[in-house]
PDB file of N, CA and C in Angstrom:
ATOM      1  N   MET A   1     123.577 154.803 214.008  1.00  0.00           N
ATOM      2  CA  MET A   1     124.516 153.805 213.736  1.00  0.00           C
ATOM      3  C   MET A   1     123.909 152.459 213.929  1.00  0.00           C
ATOM      4  N   PHE A   2     123.580 151.659 212.886  1.00  0.00           N
ATOM      5  CA  PHE A   2     122.745 150.442 212.792  1.00  0.00           C
ATOM      6  C   PHE A   2     121.600 150.468 213.649  1.00  0.00           C
ATOM      7  N   GLY A   3     120.907 151.548 213.983  1.00  0.00           N
ATOM      8  CA  GLY A   3     119.736 151.520 214.383  1.00  0.00           C
ATOM      9  C   GLY A   3     119.717 151.297 216.028  1.00  0.00           C
ATOM     10  N   ILE A   4     121.012 151.418 216.556  1.00  0.00           N
ATOM     11  CA  ILE A   4     121.124 151.067 217.962  1.00  0.00           C
ATOM     12  C   ILE A   4     121.349 152.328 218.838  1.00  0.00           C
ATOM     13  N   GLY A   5     120.359 152.469 219.816  1.00  0.00           N
ATOM     14  CA  GLY A   5     120.428 153.724 220.634  1.00  0.00           C
ATOM     15  C   GLY A   5     121.421 153.640 221.712  1.00  0.00           C
ATOM     16  N   SER A   6     121.649 154.626 222.509  1.00  0.00           N
ATOM     17  CA  SER A   6     122.763 154.704 223.484  1.00  0.00           C
ATOM     18  C   SER A   6     122.480 153.713 224.542  1.00  0.00           C
ATOM     19  N   THR A   7     121.292 153.421 224.935  1.00  0.00           N
ATOM     20  CA  THR A   7     121.223 152.418 225.967  1.00  0.00           C
ATOM     21  C   THR A   7     121.725 151.036 225.490  1.00  0.00           C
ATOM     22  N   GLU A   8     121.163 150.639 224.365  1.00  0.00           N
ATOM     23  CA  GLU A   8     121.578 149.514 223.756  1.00  0.00           C
ATOM     24  C   GLU A   8     123.148 149.374 223.562  1.00  0.00           C
ATOM     25  N   LEU A   9     123.845 150.389 223.110  1.00  0.00           N
ATOM     26  CA  LEU A   9     125.135 150.471 223.073  1.00  0.00           C
ATOM     27  C   LEU A   9     125.987 150.059 224.385  1.00  0.00           C
ATOM     28  N   MET A  10     125.405 150.785 225.457  1.00  0.00           N
ATOM     29  CA  MET A  10     125.834 150.849 226.888  1.00  0.00           C
ATOM     30  C   MET A  10     125.754 149.401 227.164  1.00  0.00           C
ATOM     31  N   VAL A  11     124.788 148.440 226.941  1.00  0.00           N
ATOM     32  CA  VAL A  11     124.559 147.300 227.563  1.00  0.00           C
ATOM     33  C   VAL A  11     125.518 146.273 226.685  1.00  0.00           C
ATOM     34  N   ILE A  12     125.812 146.504 225.382  1.00  0.00           N
ATOM     35  CA  ILE A  12     126.685 145.752 224.650  1.00  0.00           C
ATOM     36  C   ILE A  12     128.001 145.934 224.907  1.00  0.00           C
ATOM     37  N   LEU A  13     128.489 147.332 225.202  1.00  0.00           N
ATOM     38  CA  LEU A  13     129.786 147.537 226.032  1.00  0.00           C
ATOM     39  C   LEU A  13     130.143 146.852 227.351  1.00  0.00           C
ATOM     40  N   VAL A  14     128.895 146.980 228.146  1.00  0.00           N
ATOM     41  CA  VAL A  14     129.195 146.207 229.459  1.00  0.00           C
ATOM     42  C   VAL A  14     129.386 144.681 229.278  1.00  0.00           C
ATOM     43  N   VAL A  15     128.514 144.212 228.412  1.00  0.00           N
ATOM     44  CA  VAL A  15     128.539 142.686 228.141  1.00  0.00           C
ATOM     45  C   VAL A  15     129.897 142.445 227.723  1.00  0.00           C
ATOM     46  N   ALA A  16     130.285 143.091 226.801  1.00  0.00           N
ATOM     47  CA  ALA A  16     131.681 142.823 226.068  1.00  0.00           C
ATOM     48  C   ALA A  16     132.709 142.976 227.143  1.00  0.00           C
ATOM     49  N   LEU A  17     132.788 143.906 227.926  1.00  0.00           N
ATOM     50  CA  LEU A  17     133.817 144.071 229.029  1.00  0.00           C
ATOM     51  C   LEU A  17     133.888 142.957 229.941  1.00  0.00           C
ATOM     52  N   ILE A  18     132.492 142.419 230.308  1.00  0.00           N
ATOM     53  CA  ILE A  18     132.485 141.234 231.092  1.00  0.00           C
ATOM     54  C   ILE A  18     133.118 139.838 230.419  1.00  0.00           C
ATOM     55  N   VAL A  19     132.724 139.645 229.234  1.00  0.00           N
ATOM     56  CA  VAL A  19     133.221 138.641 228.615  1.00  0.00           C
ATOM     57  C   VAL A  19     134.457 138.616 228.082  1.00  0.00           C
ATOM     58  N   ILE A  20     134.895 139.594 227.394  1.00  0.00           N
ATOM     59  CA  ILE A  20     136.450 139.708 227.028  1.00  0.00           C
ATOM     60  C   ILE A  20     137.245 140.173 228.025  1.00  0.00           C
ATOM     61  N   GLY A  21     137.024 141.137 228.726  1.00  0.00           N
ATOM     62  CA  GLY A  21     137.923 141.410 229.824  1.00  0.00           C
ATOM     63  C   GLY A  21     138.600 142.771 229.405  1.00  0.00           C
ATOM     64  N   PRO A  22     138.812 143.766 230.448  1.00  0.00           N
ATOM     65  CA  PRO A  22     139.603 144.996 230.142  1.00  0.00           C
ATOM     66  C   PRO A  22     140.717 144.955 229.343  1.00  0.00           C
ATOM     67  N   SER A  23     141.532 143.803 229.303  1.00  0.00           N
ATOM     68  CA  SER A  23     142.866 143.773 228.934  1.00  0.00           C
ATOM     69  C   SER A  23     142.882 143.655 227.313  1.00  0.00           C
ATOM     70  N   LYS A  24     141.793 142.973 226.882  1.00  0.00           N
ATOM     71  CA  LYS A  24     141.801 142.652 225.440  1.00  0.00           C
ATOM     72  C   LYS A  24     140.727 143.554 224.640  1.00  0.00           C
ATOM     73  N   LEU A  25     139.834 144.120 225.536  1.00  0.00           N
ATOM     74  CA  LEU A  25     138.805 144.999 224.854  1.00  0.00           C
ATOM     75  C   LEU A  25     139.309 146.085 223.875  1.00  0.00           C
ATOM     76  N   PRO A  26     140.445 146.905 224.293  1.00  0.00           N
ATOM     77  CA  PRO A  26     140.854 147.922 223.252  1.00  0.00           C
ATOM     78  C   PRO A  26     141.334 147.184 222.006  1.00  0.00           C
ATOM     79  N   GLU A  27     141.943 146.120 221.998  1.00  0.00           N
ATOM     80  CA  GLU A  27     142.478 145.345 220.991  1.00  0.00           C
ATOM     81  C   GLU A  27     141.527 145.026 219.947  1.00  0.00           C
ATOM     82  N   ILE A  28     140.327 144.400 220.639  1.00  0.00           N
ATOM     83  CA  ILE A  28     139.163 143.975 219.654  1.00  0.00           C
ATOM     84  C   ILE A  28     138.515 145.080 219.277  1.00  0.00           C
ATOM     85  N   ALA A  29     138.099 146.341 220.010  1.00  0.00           N
ATOM     86  CA  ALA A  29     137.637 147.243 219.638  1.00  0.00           C
ATOM     87  C   ALA A  29     138.423 147.894 218.412  1.00  0.00           C
ATOM     88  N   LYS A  30     139.844 147.828 218.289  1.00  0.00           N
ATOM     89  CA  LYS A  30     140.471 148.386 217.213  1.00  0.00           C
ATOM     90  C   LYS A  30     140.469 147.534 216.036  1.00  0.00           C
ATOM     91  N   THR A  31     140.571 146.216 216.152  1.00  0.00           N
ATOM     92  CA  THR A  31     140.223 145.434 215.036  1.00  0.00           C
ATOM     93  C   THR A  31     138.864 145.401 214.387  1.00  0.00           C
ATOM     94  N   LEU A  32     137.958 145.519 215.226  1.00  0.00           N
ATOM     95  CA  LEU A  32     136.692 145.750 214.934  1.00  0.00           C
ATOM     96  C   LEU A  32     136.234 147.154 214.063  1.00  0.00           C
ATOM     97  N   GLY A  33     137.005 148.085 214.604  1.00  0.00           N
ATOM     98  CA  GLY A  33     136.858 149.338 213.927  1.00  0.00           C
ATOM     99  C   GLY A  33     137.608 149.287 212.519  1.00  0.00           C
ATOM    100  N   LYS A  34     138.616 148.521 212.363  1.00  0.00           N
ATOM    101  CA  LYS A  34     139.264 148.478 211.086  1.00  0.00           C
ATOM    102  C   LYS A  34     138.418 147.435 210.128  1.00  0.00           C
ATOM    103  N   ALA A  35     137.866 146.535 210.704  1.00  0.00           N
ATOM    104  CA  ALA A  35     136.993 145.694 209.929  1.00  0.00           C
ATOM    105  C   ALA A  35     135.870 146.494 209.315  1.00  0.00           C
ATOM    106  N   MET A  36     135.274 147.472 210.208  1.00  0.00           N
ATOM    107  CA  MET A  36     134.116 148.091 209.804  1.00  0.00           C
ATOM    108  C   MET A  36     134.512 149.108 208.566  1.00  0.00           C
ATOM    109  N   ALA A  37     135.795 149.692 208.907  1.00  0.00           N
ATOM    110  CA  ALA A  37     136.098 150.709 207.740  1.00  0.00           C
ATOM    111  C   ALA A  37     136.387 150.018 206.569  1.00  0.00           C
ATOM    112  N   GLU A  38     136.897 148.798 206.506  1.00  0.00           N
ATOM    113  CA  GLU A  38     137.077 147.905 205.364  1.00  0.00           C
ATOM    114  C   GLU A  38     135.975 147.543 204.505  1.00  0.00           C
ATOM    115  N   PHE A  39     135.000 147.171 205.345  1.00  0.00           N
ATOM    116  CA  PHE A  39     133.583 146.978 204.856  1.00  0.00           C
ATOM    117  C   PHE A  39     133.021 148.014 204.336  1.00  0.00           C
ATOM    118  N   LYS A  40     133.100 149.216 204.758  1.00  0.00           N
ATOM    119  CA  LYS A  40     132.660 150.441 204.184  1.00  0.00           C
ATOM    120  C   LYS A  40     133.237 150.675 202.845  1.00  0.00           C
ATOM    121  N   LYS A  41     134.502 150.460 202.730  1.00  0.00           N
ATOM    122  CA  LYS A  41     135.376 150.813 201.659  1.00  0.00           C
ATOM    123  C   LYS A  41     135.049 149.928 200.420  1.00  0.00           C
ATOM    124  N   VAL A  42     134.859 148.423 200.751  1.00  0.00           N
ATOM    125  CA  VAL A  42     134.415 147.548 199.916  1.00  0.00           C
ATOM    126  C   VAL A  42     133.139 147.683 199.196  1.00  0.00           C
ATOM    127  N   SER A  43     132.323 148.232 200.245  1.00  0.00           N
ATOM    128  CA  SER A  43     130.735 148.525 199.809  1.00  0.00           C
ATOM    129  C   SER A  43     130.624 149.676 198.982  1.00  0.00           C
ATOM    130  N   THR A  44     131.621 150.627 199.191  1.00  0.00           N
ATOM    131  CA  THR A  44     131.661 151.899 198.351  1.00  0.00           C
ATOM    132  C   THR A  44     132.217 151.444 196.871  1.00  0.00           C
ATOM    133  N   ASP A  45     133.191 150.776 197.015  1.00  0.00           N
ATOM    134  CA  ASP A  45     133.608 150.242 195.713  1.00  0.00           C
ATOM    135  C   ASP A  45     132.677 149.405 194.798  1.00  0.00           C
ATOM    136  N   VAL A  46     131.831 148.549 195.587  1.00  0.00           N
ATOM    137  CA  VAL A  46     131.085 147.792 194.929  1.00  0.00           C
ATOM    138  C   VAL A  46     129.881 148.743 194.282  1.00  0.00           C
ATOM    139  N   LYS A  47     129.496 149.773 195.151  1.00  0.00           N
ATOM    140  CA  LYS A  47     128.244 150.813 194.634  1.00  0.00           C
ATOM    141  C   LYS A  47     128.860 151.326 193.264  1.00  0.00           C
ATOM    142  N   ARG A  48     130.041 151.848 193.384  1.00  0.00           N
ATOM    143  CA  ARG A  48     130.707 152.513 192.264  1.00  0.00           C
ATOM    144  C   ARG A  48     130.732 151.712 191.112  1.00  0.00           C
ATOM    145  N   THR A  49     131.229 150.478 191.057  1.00  0.00           N
ATOM    146  CA  THR A  49     131.175 149.640 190.215  1.00  0.00           C
ATOM    147  C   THR A  49     129.932 149.441 189.566  1.00  0.00           C
ATOM    148  N   ILE A  50     128.640 149.150 190.390  1.00  0.00           N
ATOM    149  CA  ILE A  50     127.432 148.935 189.791  1.00  0.00           C
ATOM    150  C   ILE A  50     127.043 150.304 188.930  1.00  0.00           C
ATOM    151  N   GLU A  51     127.186 151.264 189.644  1.00  0.00           N
ATOM    152  CA  GLU A  51     126.772 152.579 188.949  1.00  0.00           C
ATOM    153  C   GLU A  51     127.477 152.686 187.664  1.00  0.00           C
ATOM    154  N   GLU A  52     128.795 152.350 187.682  1.00  0.00           N
ATOM    155  CA  GLU A  52     129.569 152.484 186.358  1.00  0.00           C
ATOM    156  C   GLU A  52     128.954 151.553 185.223  1.00  0.00           C
ATOM    157  N   GLU A  53     128.786 150.182 185.738  1.00  0.00           N
ATOM    158  CA  GLU A  53     128.007 149.474 184.692  1.00  0.00           C
ATOM    159  C   GLU A  53     126.687 149.675 184.098  1.00  0.00           C
ATOM    160  N   ILE A  54     125.884 150.470 185.133  1.00  0.00           N
ATOM    161  CA  ILE A  54     124.722 150.899 184.670  1.00  0.00           C
ATOM    162  C   ILE A  54     124.789 152.090 183.806  1.00  0.00           C
ATOM    163  N   GLU A  55     125.732 152.791 183.886  1.00  0.00           N
ATOM    164  CA  GLU A  55     125.971 154.003 182.992  1.00  0.00           C
ATOM    165  C   GLU A  55     126.479 153.420 181.754  1.00  0.00           C
ATOM    166  N   LYS A  56     127.295 152.337 181.650  1.00  0.00           N
ATOM    167  CA  LYS A  56     127.778 151.974 180.193  1.00  0.00           C
ATOM    168  C   LYS A  56     126.560 151.186 179.679  1.00  0.00           C
ATOM    169  N   GLU A  57     125.858 150.730 180.373  1.00  0.00           N
ATOM    170  CA  GLU A  57     124.655 149.866 179.540  1.00  0.00           C
ATOM    171  C   GLU A  57     123.659 151.063 179.143  1.00  0.00           C
ATOM    172  N   GLU A  58     123.389 152.227 179.942  1.00  0.00           N
ATOM    173  CA  GLU A  58     122.770 153.291 179.218  1.00  0.00           C
ATOM    174  C   GLU A  58     123.266 153.825 177.945  1.00  0.00           C
ATOM    175  N   GLU A  59     124.681 153.966 178.053  1.00  0.00           N
ATOM    176  CA  GLU A  59     125.202 154.723 176.843  1.00  0.00           C
ATOM    177  C   GLU A  59     125.185 153.619 175.620  1.00  0.00           C
ATOM    178  N   LYS A  60     125.447 152.381 175.793  1.00  0.00           N
ATOM    179  CA  LYS A  60     125.353 151.502 174.922  1.00  0.00           C
ATOM    180  C   LYS A  60     123.925 151.299 174.526  1.00  0.00           C
ATOM    181  N   ARG A  61     122.875 151.553 175.197  1.00  0.00           N
ATOM    182  CA  ARG A  61     121.434 151.605 174.604  1.00  0.00           C
ATOM    183  C   ARG A  61     121.112 152.747 173.864  1.00  0.00           C
ATOM    184  N   ALA A  62     121.689 154.041 174.401  1.00  0.00           N
ATOM    185  CA  ALA A  62     121.616 155.290 173.533  1.00  0.00           C
ATOM    186  C   ALA A  62     122.359 155.053 172.089  1.00  0.00           C
ATOM    187  N   TYR A  63     123.514 154.581 172.128  1.00  0.00           N
ATOM    188  CA  TYR A  63     123.926 154.408 171.052  1.00  0.00           C
ATOM    189  C   TYR A  63     123.351 153.429 169.905  1.00  0.00           C
ATOM    190  N   GLN A  64     122.679 152.252 170.456  1.00  0.00           N
ATOM    191  CA  GLN A  64     122.215 151.582 169.621  1.00  0.00           C
ATOM    192  C   GLN A  64     120.807 152.241 168.982  1.00  0.00           C
ATOM    193  N   GLU A  65     120.010 152.882 169.910  1.00  0.00           N
ATOM    194  CA  GLU A  65     118.846 153.831 169.254  1.00  0.00           C
ATOM    195  C   GLU A  65     119.382 154.745 168.243  1.00  0.00           C
ATOM    196  N   ALA A  66     120.478 155.360 168.721  1.00  0.00           N
ATOM    197  CA  ALA A  66     120.935 156.494 167.632  1.00  0.00           C
ATOM    198  C   ALA A  66     121.326 155.819 166.281  1.00  0.00           C
ATOM    199  N   LYS A  67     122.157 154.560 166.240  1.00  0.00           N
ATOM    200  CA  LYS A  67     122.311 153.774 165.158  1.00  0.00           C
ATOM    201  C   LYS A  67     121.024 153.405 164.265  1.00  0.00           C
ATOM    202  N   LYS A  68     120.127 152.984 165.122  1.00  0.00           N
ATOM    203  CA  LYS A  68     118.711 152.576 164.529  1.00  0.00           C
ATOM    204  C   LYS A  68     118.216 153.707 163.784  1.00  0.00           C
ATOM    205  N   GLU A  69     118.163 155.025 164.375  1.00  0.00           N
ATOM    206  CA  GLU A  69     117.722 156.130 163.835  1.00  0.00           C
ATOM    207  C   GLU A  69     118.336 156.501 162.564  1.00  0.00           C
ATOM    208  N   LEU A  70     119.771 156.400 162.665  1.00  0.00           N
ATOM    209  CA  LEU A  70     120.527 156.697 161.424  1.00  0.00           C
ATOM    210  C   LEU A  70     120.218 155.861 160.394  1.00  0.00           C
ATOM    211  N   GLU A  71     120.224 154.469 160.546  1.00  0.00           N
ATOM    212  CA  GLU A  71     119.804 153.542 159.477  1.00  0.00           C
ATOM    213  C   GLU A  71     118.569 153.695 158.977  1.00  0.00           C
ATOM    214  N   LYS A  72     117.462 154.161 159.758  1.00  0.00           N
ATOM    215  CA  LYS A  72     116.125 154.369 159.429  1.00  0.00           C
ATOM    216  C   LYS A  72     116.039 155.693 158.333  1.00  0.00           C
ATOM    217  N   SER A  73     116.910 156.645 158.721  1.00  0.00           N
ATOM    218  CA  SER A  73     117.088 157.913 157.964  1.00  0.00           C
ATOM    219  C   SER A  73     117.667 157.652 156.790  1.00  0.00           C
ATOM    220  N   GLU A  74     118.847 156.760 156.629  1.00  0.00           N
ATOM    221  CA  GLU A  74     119.563 156.498 155.520  1.00  0.00           C
ATOM    222  C   GLU A  74     118.595 155.562 154.387  1.00  0.00           C
ATOM    223  N   VAL A  75     117.775 154.776 155.156  1.00  0.00           N
ATOM    224  CA  VAL A  75     116.707 154.090 154.148  1.00  0.00           C
ATOM    225  C   VAL A  75     115.772 154.977 153.493  1.00  0.00           C
ATOM    226  N   GLN A  76     115.459 155.968 154.478  1.00  0.00           N
ATOM    227  CA  GLN A  76     114.528 157.010 153.913  1.00  0.00           C
ATOM    228  C   GLN A  76     115.160 157.811 152.878  1.00  0.00           C
ATOM    229  N   GLU A  77     116.306 158.199 153.217  1.00  0.00           N
ATOM    230  CA  GLU A  77     117.099 158.868 152.188  1.00  0.00           C
ATOM    231  C   GLU A  77     117.195 158.462 150.870  1.00  0.00           C
ATOM    232  N   ASN A  78     117.674 157.096 150.848  1.00  0.00           N
ATOM    233  CA  ASN A  78     117.701 156.182 149.687  1.00  0.00           C
ATOM    234  C   ASN A  78     116.464 156.167 148.831  1.00  0.00           C
ATOM    235  N   THR A  79     115.439 155.859 149.607  1.00  0.00           N
ATOM    236  CA  THR A  79     114.091 155.735 148.933  1.00  0.00           C
ATOM    237  C   THR A  79     113.570 157.260 148.396  1.00  0.00           C
ATOM    238  N   GLU A  80     113.884 158.248 149.083  1.00  0.00           N
ATOM    239  CA  GLU A  80     113.570 159.641 148.420  1.00  0.00           C
ATOM    240  C   GLU A  80     114.357 159.800 147.088  1.00  0.00           C
ATOM    241  N   THR A  81     115.675 159.387 147.319  1.00  0.00           N
ATOM    242  CA  THR A  81     116.590 159.675 146.306  1.00  0.00           C
ATOM    243  C   THR A  81     116.180 158.927 144.961  1.00  0.00           C
ATOM    244  N   LYS A  82     115.721 157.741 145.109  1.00  0.00           N
ATOM    245  CA  LYS A  82     115.381 156.671 144.105  1.00  0.00           C
ATOM    246  C   LYS A  82     113.950 157.501 143.461  1.00  0.00           C
ATOM    247  N   GLU A  83     113.047 158.029 144.212  1.00  0.00           N
ATOM    248  CA  GLU A  83     111.917 158.754 143.732  1.00  0.00           C
ATOM    249  C   GLU A  83     112.259 159.921 142.987  1.00  0.00           C
ATOM    250  N   ILE A  84     113.179 160.780 143.481  1.00  0.00           N
ATOM    251  CA  ILE A  84     113.505 162.041 142.614  1.00  0.00           C
ATOM    252  C   ILE A  84     114.322 161.335 141.321  1.00  0.00           C
ATOM    253  N   GLU A  85     114.943 160.584 141.350  1.00  0.00           N
ATOM    254  CA  GLU A  85     115.674 159.823 139.953  1.00  0.00           C
ATOM    255  C   GLU A  85     114.525 159.340 139.172  1.00  0.00           C
ATOM    256  N   GLU A  86     113.538 158.720 139.659  1.00  0.00           N
ATOM    257  CA  GLU A  86     112.519 158.122 138.846  1.00  0.00           C
ATOM    258  C   GLU A  86     111.556 159.285 138.211  1.00  0.00           C
ATOM    259  N   ASN A  87     111.505 160.303 139.007  1.00  0.00           N
ATOM    260  CA  ASN A  87     110.618 161.388 138.523  1.00  0.00           C
ATOM    261  C   ASN A  87     111.366 162.369 137.601  1.00  0.00           C
ATOM    262  N   SER A  88     112.817 162.313 137.820  1.00  0.00           N
ATOM    263  CA  SER A  88     113.628 162.974 136.850  1.00  0.00           C
ATOM    264  C   SER A  88     113.521 162.300 135.405  1.00  0.00           C
ATOM    265  N   LYS A  89     113.716 160.993 135.634  1.00  0.00           N
ATOM    266  CA  LYS A  89     113.508 160.336 134.317  1.00  0.00           C
ATOM    267  C   LYS A  89     112.290 160.373 133.535  1.00  0.00           C
ATOM    268  N   ASP A  90     111.017 160.389 134.162  1.00  0.00           N
ATOM    269  CA  ASP A  90     109.802 160.649 133.856  1.00  0.00           C
ATOM    270  C   ASP A  90     109.840 162.005 133.139  1.00  0.00           C
ATOM    271  N   LEU A  91     110.399 163.030 133.791  1.00  0.00           N
ATOM    272  CA  LEU A  91     110.213 164.434 133.206  1.00  0.00           C
ATOM    273  C   LEU A  91     111.008 164.304 131.896  1.00  0.00           C
ATOM    274  N   ASN A  92     112.292 163.758 131.952  1.00  0.00           N
ATOM    275  CA  ASN A  92     113.132 163.848 130.659  1.00  0.00           C
ATOM    276  C   ASN A  92     112.275 163.044 129.801  1.00  0.00           C
ATOM    277  N   GLU A  93     111.884 162.040 129.787  1.00  0.00           N
ATOM    278  CA  GLU A  93     110.932 161.389 128.763  1.00  0.00           C
ATOM    279  C   GLU A  93     109.933 162.011 128.340  1.00  0.00           C
ATOM    280  N   SER A  94     109.096 162.540 129.329  1.00  0.00           N
ATOM    281  CA  SER A  94     108.018 163.371 128.898  1.00  0.00           C
ATOM    282  C   SER A  94     108.343 164.717 127.832  1.00  0.00           C
ATOM    283  N   SER A  95     109.610 165.287 128.464  1.00  0.00           N
ATOM    284  CA  SER A  95     109.919 166.468 127.655  1.00  0.00           C
ATOM    285  C   SER A  95     110.674 165.997 126.169  1.00  0.00           C
ATOM    286  N   LYS A  96     110.876 164.841 126.160  1.00  0.00           N
ATOM    287  CA  LYS A  96     111.729 164.327 124.697  1.00  0.00           C
ATOM    288  C   LYS A  96     110.399 163.778 123.884  1.00  0.00           C
ATOM    289  N   ASP A  97     109.326 163.515 124.653  1.00  0.00           N
ATOM    290  CA  ASP A  97     108.265 163.102 123.934  1.00  0.00           C
ATOM    291  C   ASP A  97     107.498 164.347 123.301  1.00  0.00           C
ATOM    292  N   GLU A  98     107.387 165.303 124.009  1.00  0.00           N
ATOM    293  CA  GLU A  98     106.937 166.668 123.671  1.00  0.00           C
ATOM    294  C   GLU A  98     107.575 167.290 122.442  1.00  0.00           C
ATOM    295  N   GLU A  99     109.007 167.045 122.439  1.00  0.00           N
ATOM    296  CA  GLU A  99     109.756 167.713 121.424  1.00  0.00           C
ATOM    297  C   GLU A  99     109.543 166.953 120.067  1.00  0.00           C
ATOM    298  N   LYS A 100     109.261 165.633 120.168  1.00  0.00           N
ATOM    299  CA  LYS A 100     108.811 165.021 118.955  1.00  0.00           C
ATOM    300  C   LYS A 100     107.483 165.429 118.353  1.00  0.00           C
TER     301      LYS A 100
END
């Protein structure tokens, strides 16, 4: 816990008992415990939010890459279609020339 050993914890508790007094020590320990629990909850929420944002960015990047690939394949398909149409035209013209 926070890199504090048992000896250091005992010294902290003794100093707190001397400074704060035995009557207020349980109340302060309770308040400190609640504050630590709230801090842990908030830090967990922040961590989860950051992870969600990272995941959203990764999904967005993957979507953009897929979109680029799709556009690239559409351009290639259009080029190949035009080539096929031109070849078909050439074949039709050559067959007409041969018939004459």
